[in-house]
């Protein structure tokens, strides 16, 4: 659900910011990194560090995208998900 919300936010930012001299979208972009809490997290800092790595992954992959580190042992769902899943 966080990936879906992050992607919606990304699309709204791009659509709402006109590019200089054109009046069309893409004047602004946004890169978002998200992570899901998992049982192995020592503290909130572990979660923030994984979200930060996902953000830098998004920037390294060309910016204006969402990257997610949902871990292999999500605390909330108990389901497996690949790290750095790309939504864009």
PDB file of N, CA and C in Angstrom:
ATOM      1  N   UNK A   1       0.820  -1.194   0.000  1.00  0.00           N
ATOM      2  CA  UNK A   1       0.000   0.000   0.000  1.00  0.00           C
ATOM      3  C   UNK A   1       0.867   1.263   0.000  1.00  0.00           C
ATOM      4  N   UNK A   2       1.975   1.248   0.690  1.00  0.00           N
ATOM      5  CA  UNK A   2       2.863   2.411   0.704  1.00  0.00           C
ATOM      6  C   UNK A   2       3.443   2.668  -0.682  1.00  0.00           C
ATOM      7  N   UNK A   3       3.760   1.598  -1.416  1.00  0.00           N
ATOM      8  CA  UNK A   3       4.286   1.771  -2.771  1.00  0.00           C
ATOM      9  C   UNK A   3       3.262   2.447  -3.669  1.00  0.00           C
ATOM     10  N   UNK A   4       2.009   2.063  -3.539  1.00  0.00           N
ATOM     11  CA  UNK A   4       0.946   2.654  -4.358  1.00  0.00           C
ATOM     12  C   UNK A   4       0.795   4.132  -4.024  1.00  0.00           C
ATOM     13  N   UNK A   5       0.774   4.465  -2.751  1.00  0.00           N
ATOM     14  CA  UNK A   5       0.658   5.867  -2.341  1.00  0.00           C
ATOM     15  C   UNK A   5       1.865   6.685  -2.796  1.00  0.00           C
ATOM     16  N   UNK A   6       3.053   6.111  -2.667  1.00  0.00           N
ATOM     17  CA  UNK A   6       4.261   6.815  -3.089  1.00  0.00           C
ATOM     18  C   UNK A   6       4.241   7.075  -4.593  1.00  0.00           C
ATOM     19  N   UNK A   7       3.786   6.102  -5.366  1.00  0.00           N
ATOM     20  CA  UNK A   7       3.719   6.280  -6.811  1.00  0.00           C
ATOM     21  C   UNK A   7       2.684   7.340  -7.183  1.00  0.00           C
ATOM     22  N   UNK A   8       1.553   7.359  -6.506  1.00  0.00           N
ATOM     23  CA  UNK A   8       0.549   8.405  -6.756  1.00  0.00           C
ATOM     24  C   UNK A   8       1.118   9.783  -6.458  1.00  0.00           C
ATOM     25  N   UNK A   9       1.817   9.901  -5.349  1.00  0.00           N
ATOM     26  CA  UNK A   9       2.444  11.169  -4.984  1.00  0.00           C
ATOM     27  C   UNK A   9       3.444  11.591  -6.054  1.00  0.00           C
ATOM     28  N   UNK A  10       4.268  10.649  -6.505  1.00  0.00           N
ATOM     29  CA  UNK A  10       5.259  10.950  -7.541  1.00  0.00           C
ATOM     30  C   UNK A  10       4.577  11.474  -8.802  1.00  0.00           C
ATOM     31  N   UNK A  11       3.527  10.805  -9.228  1.00  0.00           N
ATOM     32  CA  UNK A  11       2.815  11.216 -10.436  1.00  0.00           C
ATOM     33  C   UNK A  11       2.188  12.603 -10.274  1.00  0.00           C
ATOM     34  N   UNK A  12       1.645  12.896  -9.103  1.00  0.00           N
ATOM     35  CA  UNK A  12       1.029  14.209  -8.874  1.00  0.00           C
ATOM     36  C   UNK A  12       2.059  15.319  -8.881  1.00  0.00           C
ATOM     37  N   UNK A  13       3.219  15.073  -8.300  1.00  0.00           N
ATOM     38  CA  UNK A  13       4.280  16.092  -8.295  1.00  0.00           C
ATOM     39  C   UNK A  13       4.714  16.392  -9.720  1.00  0.00           C
ATOM     40  N   UNK A  14       4.946  15.360 -10.505  1.00  0.00           N
ATOM     41  CA  UNK A  14       5.395  15.550 -11.890  1.00  0.00           C
ATOM     42  C   UNK A  14       4.335  16.288 -12.701  1.00  0.00           C
ATOM     43  N   UNK A  15       3.081  15.913 -12.537  1.00  0.00           N
ATOM     44  CA  UNK A  15       1.999  16.515 -13.320  1.00  0.00           C
ATOM     45  C   UNK A  15       1.711  17.960 -12.911  1.00  0.00           C
ATOM     46  N   UNK A  16       1.971  18.292 -11.669  1.00  0.00           N
ATOM     47  CA  UNK A  16       1.576  19.614 -11.173  1.00  0.00           C
ATOM     48  C   UNK A  16       2.659  20.681 -11.320  1.00  0.00           C
ATOM     49  N   UNK A  17       3.842  20.292 -11.707  1.00  0.00           N
ATOM     50  CA  UNK A  17       4.941  21.250 -11.792  1.00  0.00           C
ATOM     51  C   UNK A  17       5.319  21.472 -13.254  1.00  0.00           C
ATOM     52  N   UNK A  18       4.914  22.591 -13.831  1.00  0.00           N
ATOM     53  CA  UNK A  18       5.243  22.847 -15.234  1.00  0.00           C
ATOM     54  C   UNK A  18       6.738  23.055 -15.440  1.00  0.00           C
ATOM     55  N   UNK A  19       7.209  22.532 -16.543  1.00  0.00           N
ATOM     56  CA  UNK A  19       8.615  22.720 -16.899  1.00  0.00           C
ATOM     57  C   UNK A  19       8.827  24.173 -17.313  1.00  0.00           C
ATOM     58  N   UNK A  20       9.983  24.720 -17.040  1.00  0.00           N
ATOM     59  CA  UNK A  20      10.259  26.105 -17.444  1.00  0.00           C
ATOM     60  C   UNK A  20      10.066  26.307 -18.946  1.00  0.00           C
ATOM     61  N   UNK A  21       9.418  27.375 -19.308  1.00  0.00           N
ATOM     62  CA  UNK A  21       9.220  27.800 -20.701  1.00  0.00           C
ATOM     63  C   UNK A  21       8.289  26.918 -21.531  1.00  0.00           C
ATOM     64  N   UNK A  22       7.679  25.875 -20.939  1.00  0.00           N
ATOM     65  CA  UNK A  22       6.792  25.020 -21.736  1.00  0.00           C
ATOM     66  C   UNK A  22       5.363  25.020 -21.225  1.00  0.00           C
ATOM     67  N   UNK A  23       5.189  25.159 -19.910  1.00  0.00           N
ATOM     68  CA  UNK A  23       3.857  25.091 -19.323  1.00  0.00           C
ATOM     69  C   UNK A  23       3.352  23.678 -19.152  1.00  0.00           C
ATOM     70  N   UNK A  24       4.126  22.684 -19.575  1.00  0.00           N
ATOM     71  CA  UNK A  24       3.735  21.287 -19.429  1.00  0.00           C
ATOM     72  C   UNK A  24       4.418  20.682 -18.208  1.00  0.00           C
ATOM     73  N   UNK A  25       4.021  19.468 -17.842  1.00  0.00           N
ATOM     74  CA  UNK A  25       4.577  18.784 -16.681  1.00  0.00           C
ATOM     75  C   UNK A  25       6.064  18.502 -16.801  1.00  0.00           C
ATOM     76  N   UNK A  26       6.625  17.919 -15.778  1.00  0.00           N
ATOM     77  CA  UNK A  26       8.024  17.508 -15.662  1.00  0.00           C
ATOM     78  C   UNK A  26       8.970  18.637 -15.277  1.00  0.00           C
ATOM     79  N   UNK A  27       8.447  19.710 -14.733  1.00  0.00           N
ATOM     80  CA  UNK A  27       9.306  20.748 -14.200  1.00  0.00           C
ATOM     81  C   UNK A  27       9.933  20.333 -12.882  1.00  0.00           C
ATOM     82  N   UNK A  28       9.304  19.400 -12.219  1.00  0.00           N
ATOM     83  CA  UNK A  28       9.827  18.869 -10.960  1.00  0.00           C
ATOM     84  C   UNK A  28       9.690  17.360 -10.988  1.00  0.00           C
ATOM     85  N   UNK A  29      10.609  16.704 -10.355  1.00  0.00           N
ATOM     86  CA  UNK A  29      10.532  15.257 -10.204  1.00  0.00           C
ATOM     87  C   UNK A  29      10.716  14.924  -8.735  1.00  0.00           C
ATOM     88  N   UNK A  30      10.409  13.684  -8.397  1.00  0.00           N
ATOM     89  CA  UNK A  30      10.559  13.253  -7.015  1.00  0.00           C
ATOM     90  C   UNK A  30      11.006  11.799  -7.003  1.00  0.00           C
ATOM     91  N   UNK A  31      11.982  11.515  -6.184  1.00  0.00           N
ATOM     92  CA  UNK A  31      12.436  10.157  -5.957  1.00  0.00           C
ATOM     93  C   UNK A  31      12.036   9.787  -4.539  1.00  0.00           C
ATOM     94  N   UNK A  32      11.484   8.586  -4.374  1.00  0.00           N
ATOM     95  CA  UNK A  32      10.977   8.159  -3.071  1.00  0.00           C
ATOM     96  C   UNK A  32      11.549   6.791  -2.733  1.00  0.00           C
ATOM     97  N   UNK A  33      12.028   6.652  -1.512  1.00  0.00           N
ATOM     98  CA  UNK A  33      12.473   5.361  -0.998  1.00  0.00           C
ATOM     99  C   UNK A  33      11.607   4.983   0.182  1.00  0.00           C
ATOM    100  N   UNK A  34      11.102   3.751   0.166  1.00  0.00           N
ATOM    101  CA  UNK A  34      10.272   3.281   1.271  1.00  0.00           C
ATOM    102  C   UNK A  34      10.809   1.952   1.785  1.00  0.00           C
ATOM    103  N   UNK A  35      10.512   1.658   3.028  1.00  0.00           N
ATOM    104  CA  UNK A  35      10.894   0.382   3.636  1.00  0.00           C
ATOM    105  C   UNK A  35       9.789  -0.031   4.597  1.00  0.00           C
ATOM    106  N   UNK A  36       9.693  -1.331   4.796  1.00  0.00           N
ATOM    107  CA  UNK A  36       8.684  -1.884   5.694  1.00  0.00           C
ATOM    108  C   UNK A  36       9.364  -2.447   6.933  1.00  0.00           C
ATOM    109  N   UNK A  37       8.782  -2.198   8.088  1.00  0.00           N
ATOM    110  CA  UNK A  37       9.328  -2.726   9.332  1.00  0.00           C
ATOM    111  C   UNK A  37       9.322  -4.248   9.284  1.00  0.00           C
ATOM    112  N   UNK A  38      10.378  -4.822   9.831  1.00  0.00           N
ATOM    113  CA  UNK A  38      10.447  -6.284   9.913  1.00  0.00           C
ATOM    114  C   UNK A  38      10.997  -6.685  11.263  1.00  0.00           C
ATOM    115  N   UNK A  39      10.812  -7.911  11.607  1.00  0.00           N
ATOM    116  CA  UNK A  39      11.157  -8.379  12.952  1.00  0.00           C
ATOM    117  C   UNK A  39      12.633  -8.225  13.275  1.00  0.00           C
ATOM    118  N   UNK A  40      13.503  -8.279  12.266  1.00  0.00           N
ATOM    119  CA  UNK A  40      14.937  -8.164  12.507  1.00  0.00           C
ATOM    120  C   UNK A  40      15.418  -6.749  12.750  1.00  0.00           C
ATOM    121  N   UNK A  41      14.550  -5.756  12.591  1.00  0.00           N
ATOM    122  CA  UNK A  41      14.965  -4.379  12.835  1.00  0.00           C
ATOM    123  C   UNK A  41      15.295  -4.183  14.307  1.00  0.00           C
ATOM    124  N   UNK A  42      16.490  -3.648  14.562  1.00  0.00           N
ATOM    125  CA  UNK A  42      16.911  -3.389  15.941  1.00  0.00           C
ATOM    126  C   UNK A  42      16.167  -2.204  16.539  1.00  0.00           C
ATOM    127  N   UNK A  43      15.919  -1.208  15.686  1.00  0.00           N
ATOM    128  CA  UNK A  43      15.267   0.015  16.142  1.00  0.00           C
ATOM    129  C   UNK A  43      14.744   0.770  14.930  1.00  0.00           C
ATOM    130  N   UNK A  44      14.156   1.917  15.172  1.00  0.00           N
ATOM    131  CA  UNK A  44      13.611   2.716  14.073  1.00  0.00           C
ATOM    132  C   UNK A  44      14.708   3.155  13.118  1.00  0.00           C
ATOM    133  N   UNK A  45      15.909   3.322  13.607  1.00  0.00           N
ATOM    134  CA  UNK A  45      17.029   3.751  12.765  1.00  0.00           C
ATOM    135  C   UNK A  45      17.328   2.720  11.677  1.00  0.00           C
ATOM    136  N   UNK A  46      17.148   1.435  11.977  1.00  0.00           N
ATOM    137  CA  UNK A  46      17.349   0.387  10.970  1.00  0.00           C
ATOM    138  C   UNK A  46      16.355   0.552   9.828  1.00  0.00           C
ATOM    139  N   UNK A  47      15.125   0.839  10.181  1.00  0.00           N
ATOM    140  CA  UNK A  47      14.077   1.043   9.182  1.00  0.00           C
ATOM    141  C   UNK A  47      14.375   2.278   8.328  1.00  0.00           C
ATOM    142  N   UNK A  48      14.759   3.356   8.973  1.00  0.00           N
ATOM    143  CA  UNK A  48      15.082   4.602   8.266  1.00  0.00           C
ATOM    144  C   UNK A  48      16.295   4.388   7.348  1.00  0.00           C
ATOM    145  N   UNK A  49      17.273   3.635   7.800  1.00  0.00           N
ATOM    146  CA  UNK A  49      18.464   3.377   6.978  1.00  0.00           C
ATOM    147  C   UNK A  49      18.097   2.604   5.718  1.00  0.00           C
ATOM    148  N   UNK A  50      17.197   1.628   5.820  1.00  0.00           N
ATOM    149  CA  UNK A  50      16.780   0.881   4.634  1.00  0.00           C
ATOM    150  C   UNK A  50      15.973   1.754   3.687  1.00  0.00           C
ATOM    151  N   UNK A  51      15.128   2.631   4.227  1.00  0.00           N
ATOM    152  CA  UNK A  51      14.374   3.560   3.375  1.00  0.00           C
ATOM    153  C   UNK A  51      15.327   4.524   2.676  1.00  0.00           C
ATOM    154  N   UNK A  52      16.351   4.957   3.374  1.00  0.00           N
ATOM    155  CA  UNK A  52      17.342   5.857   2.793  1.00  0.00           C
ATOM    156  C   UNK A  52      18.098   5.167   1.663  1.00  0.00           C
ATOM    157  N   UNK A  53      18.463   3.897   1.858  1.00  0.00           N
ATOM    158  CA  UNK A  53      19.130   3.153   0.787  1.00  0.00           C
ATOM    159  C   UNK A  53      18.216   3.010  -0.426  1.00  0.00           C
ATOM    160  N   UNK A  54      16.929   2.784  -0.180  1.00  0.00           N
ATOM    161  CA  UNK A  54      15.970   2.685  -1.292  1.00  0.00           C
ATOM    162  C   UNK A  54      15.878   4.019  -2.033  1.00  0.00           C
ATOM    163  N   UNK A  55      15.918   5.125  -1.312  1.00  0.00           N
ATOM    164  CA  UNK A  55      15.904   6.445  -1.944  1.00  0.00           C
ATOM    165  C   UNK A  55      17.122   6.628  -2.850  1.00  0.00           C
ATOM    166  N   UNK A  56      18.301   6.294  -2.355  1.00  0.00           N
ATOM    167  CA  UNK A  56      19.504   6.439  -3.168  1.00  0.00           C
ATOM    168  C   UNK A  56      19.489   5.480  -4.350  1.00  0.00           C
ATOM    169  N   UNK A  57      18.864   4.318  -4.191  1.00  0.00           N
ATOM    170  CA  UNK A  57      18.694   3.393  -5.314  1.00  0.00           C
ATOM    171  C   UNK A  57      17.824   4.046  -6.387  1.00  0.00           C
ATOM    172  N   UNK A  58      16.744   4.709  -5.966  1.00  0.00           N
ATOM    173  CA  UNK A  58      15.859   5.398  -6.919  1.00  0.00           C
ATOM    174  C   UNK A  58      16.631   6.468  -7.684  1.00  0.00           C
ATOM    175  N   UNK A  59      17.461   7.206  -6.991  1.00  0.00           N
ATOM    176  CA  UNK A  59      18.250   8.247  -7.653  1.00  0.00           C
ATOM    177  C   UNK A  59      19.268   7.639  -8.605  1.00  0.00           C
ATOM    178  N   UNK A  60      19.885   6.545  -8.203  1.00  0.00           N
ATOM    179  CA  UNK A  60      20.882   5.892  -9.042  1.00  0.00           C
ATOM    180  C   UNK A  60      20.258   5.270 -10.297  1.00  0.00           C
ATOM    181  N   UNK A  61      18.997   4.917 -10.225  1.00  0.00           N
ATOM    182  CA  UNK A  61      18.308   4.286 -11.354  1.00  0.00           C
ATOM    183  C   UNK A  61      17.721   5.321 -12.312  1.00  0.00           C
ATOM    184  N   UNK A  62      18.003   6.586 -12.097  1.00  0.00           N
ATOM    185  CA  UNK A  62      17.573   7.606 -13.030  1.00  0.00           C
ATOM    186  C   UNK A  62      16.633   8.643 -12.449  1.00  0.00           C
ATOM    187  N   UNK A  63      16.381   8.602 -11.187  1.00  0.00           N
ATOM    188  CA  UNK A  63      15.526   9.577 -10.500  1.00  0.00           C
ATOM    189  C   UNK A  63      14.075   9.489 -10.948  1.00  0.00           C
ATOM    190  N   UNK A  64      13.238  10.263 -10.298  1.00  0.00           N
ATOM    191  CA  UNK A  64      11.808  10.333 -10.599  1.00  0.00           C
ATOM    192  C   UNK A  64      11.170   8.951 -10.591  1.00  0.00           C
ATOM    193  N   UNK A  65      11.384   8.231  -9.496  1.00  0.00           N
ATOM    194  CA  UNK A  65      10.855   6.878  -9.368  1.00  0.00           C
ATOM    195  C   UNK A  65      10.690   6.505  -7.904  1.00  0.00           C
ATOM    196  N   UNK A  66      10.027   5.395  -7.675  1.00  0.00           N
ATOM    197  CA  UNK A  66       9.823   4.858  -6.335  1.00  0.00           C
ATOM    198  C   UNK A  66      10.595   3.552  -6.231  1.00  0.00           C
ATOM    199  N   UNK A  67      11.387   3.407  -5.188  1.00  0.00           N
ATOM    200  CA  UNK A  67      12.066   2.151  -4.894  1.00  0.00           C
ATOM    201  C   UNK A  67      11.678   1.728  -3.477  1.00  0.00           C
ATOM    202  N   UNK A  68      11.537   0.431  -3.288  1.00  0.00           N
ATOM    203  CA  UNK A  68      11.081  -0.081  -2.001  1.00  0.00           C
ATOM    204  C   UNK A  68      11.987  -1.187  -1.504  1.00  0.00           C
ATOM    205  N   UNK A  69      12.283  -1.158  -0.224  1.00  0.00           N
ATOM    206  CA  UNK A  69      12.948  -2.267   0.458  1.00  0.00           C
ATOM    207  C   UNK A  69      11.911  -2.829   1.412  1.00  0.00           C
ATOM    208  N   UNK A  70      11.232  -3.854   0.952  1.00  0.00           N
ATOM    209  CA  UNK A  70      10.182  -4.448   1.773  1.00  0.00           C
ATOM    210  C   UNK A  70      10.710  -5.605   2.597  1.00  0.00           C
ATOM    211  N   UNK A  71      11.992  -5.892   2.465  1.00  0.00           N
ATOM    212  CA  UNK A  71      12.623  -6.911   3.283  1.00  0.00           C
ATOM    213  C   UNK A  71      12.188  -8.314   2.925  1.00  0.00           C
ATOM    214  N   UNK A  72      12.746  -9.263   3.615  1.00  0.00           N
ATOM    215  CA  UNK A  72      12.383 -10.655   3.387  1.00  0.00           C
ATOM    216  C   UNK A  72      11.492 -11.185   4.490  1.00  0.00           C
ATOM    217  N   UNK A  73      11.313 -10.415   5.537  1.00  0.00           N
ATOM    218  CA  UNK A  73      10.511 -10.850   6.676  1.00  0.00           C
ATOM    219  C   UNK A  73       9.674  -9.679   7.193  1.00  0.00           C
ATOM    220  N   UNK A  74       8.726  -9.173   6.377  1.00  0.00           N
ATOM    221  CA  UNK A  74       7.947  -8.022   6.821  1.00  0.00           C
ATOM    222  C   UNK A  74       7.181  -8.308   8.111  1.00  0.00           C
ATOM    223  N   UNK A  75       7.274  -7.401   9.027  1.00  0.00           N
ATOM    224  CA  UNK A  75       6.616  -7.528  10.315  1.00  0.00           C
ATOM    225  C   UNK A  75       5.099  -7.477  10.167  1.00  0.00           C
ATOM    226  N   UNK A  76       4.604  -6.652   9.276  1.00  0.00           N
ATOM    227  CA  UNK A  76       3.174  -6.424   9.166  1.00  0.00           C
ATOM    228  C   UNK A  76       2.451  -7.579   8.481  1.00  0.00           C
ATOM    229  N   UNK A  77       2.962  -8.068   7.351  1.00  0.00           N
ATOM    230  CA  UNK A  77       2.223  -9.045   6.562  1.00  0.00           C
ATOM    231  C   UNK A  77       2.740 -10.464   6.689  1.00  0.00           C
ATOM    232  N   UNK A  78       4.004 -10.632   7.018  1.00  0.00           N
ATOM    233  CA  UNK A  78       4.571 -11.961   7.069  1.00  0.00           C
ATOM    234  C   UNK A  78       4.833 -12.545   5.687  1.00  0.00           C
ATOM    235  N   UNK A  79       4.735 -11.744   4.622  1.00  0.00           N
ATOM    236  CA  UNK A  79       4.950 -12.207   3.264  1.00  0.00           C
ATOM    237  C   UNK A  79       6.341 -11.829   2.797  1.00  0.00           C
ATOM    238  N   UNK A  80       6.861 -12.594   1.861  1.00  0.00           N
ATOM    239  CA  UNK A  80       8.165 -12.265   1.287  1.00  0.00           C
ATOM    240  C   UNK A  80       7.987 -11.315   0.128  1.00  0.00           C
ATOM    241  N   UNK A  81       8.896 -10.382   0.017  1.00  0.00           N
ATOM    242  CA  UNK A  81       8.875  -9.433  -1.099  1.00  0.00           C
ATOM    243  C   UNK A  81      10.303  -9.144  -1.501  1.00  0.00           C
ATOM    244  N   UNK A  82      10.580  -8.955  -2.782  1.00  0.00           N
ATOM    245  CA  UNK A  82      11.952  -8.680  -3.208  1.00  0.00           C
ATOM    246  C   UNK A  82      12.403  -7.306  -2.745  1.00  0.00           C
ATOM    247  N   UNK A  83      13.677  -7.174  -2.335  1.00  0.00           N
ATOM    248  CA  UNK A  83      14.174  -5.838  -1.963  1.00  0.00           C
ATOM    249  C   UNK A  83      14.252  -4.947  -3.187  1.00  0.00           C
ATOM    250  N   UNK A  84      14.055  -3.676  -2.988  1.00  0.00           N
ATOM    251  CA  UNK A  84      14.148  -2.654  -4.032  1.00  0.00           C
ATOM    252  C   UNK A  84      13.226  -2.940  -5.209  1.00  0.00           C
ATOM    253  N   UNK A  85      12.001  -3.343  -4.917  1.00  0.00           N
ATOM    254  CA  UNK A  85      11.027  -3.561  -5.992  1.00  0.00           C
ATOM    255  C   UNK A  85      10.723  -2.240  -6.667  1.00  0.00           C
ATOM    256  N   UNK A  86      10.719  -2.247  -7.973  1.00  0.00           N
ATOM    257  CA  UNK A  86      10.510  -1.019  -8.742  1.00  0.00           C
ATOM    258  C   UNK A  86       9.028  -0.874  -9.085  1.00  0.00           C
ATOM    259  N   UNK A  87       8.467   0.290  -8.806  1.00  0.00           N
ATOM    260  CA  UNK A  87       7.067   0.550  -9.105  1.00  0.00           C
ATOM    261  C   UNK A  87       6.922   1.251 -10.427  1.00  0.00           C
ATOM    262  N   UNK A  88       7.903   2.057 -10.781  1.00  0.00           N
ATOM    263  CA  UNK A  88       7.807   2.891 -11.992  1.00  0.00           C
ATOM    264  C   UNK A  88       7.743   2.084 -13.252  1.00  0.00           C
TER     265      UNK A  88
END
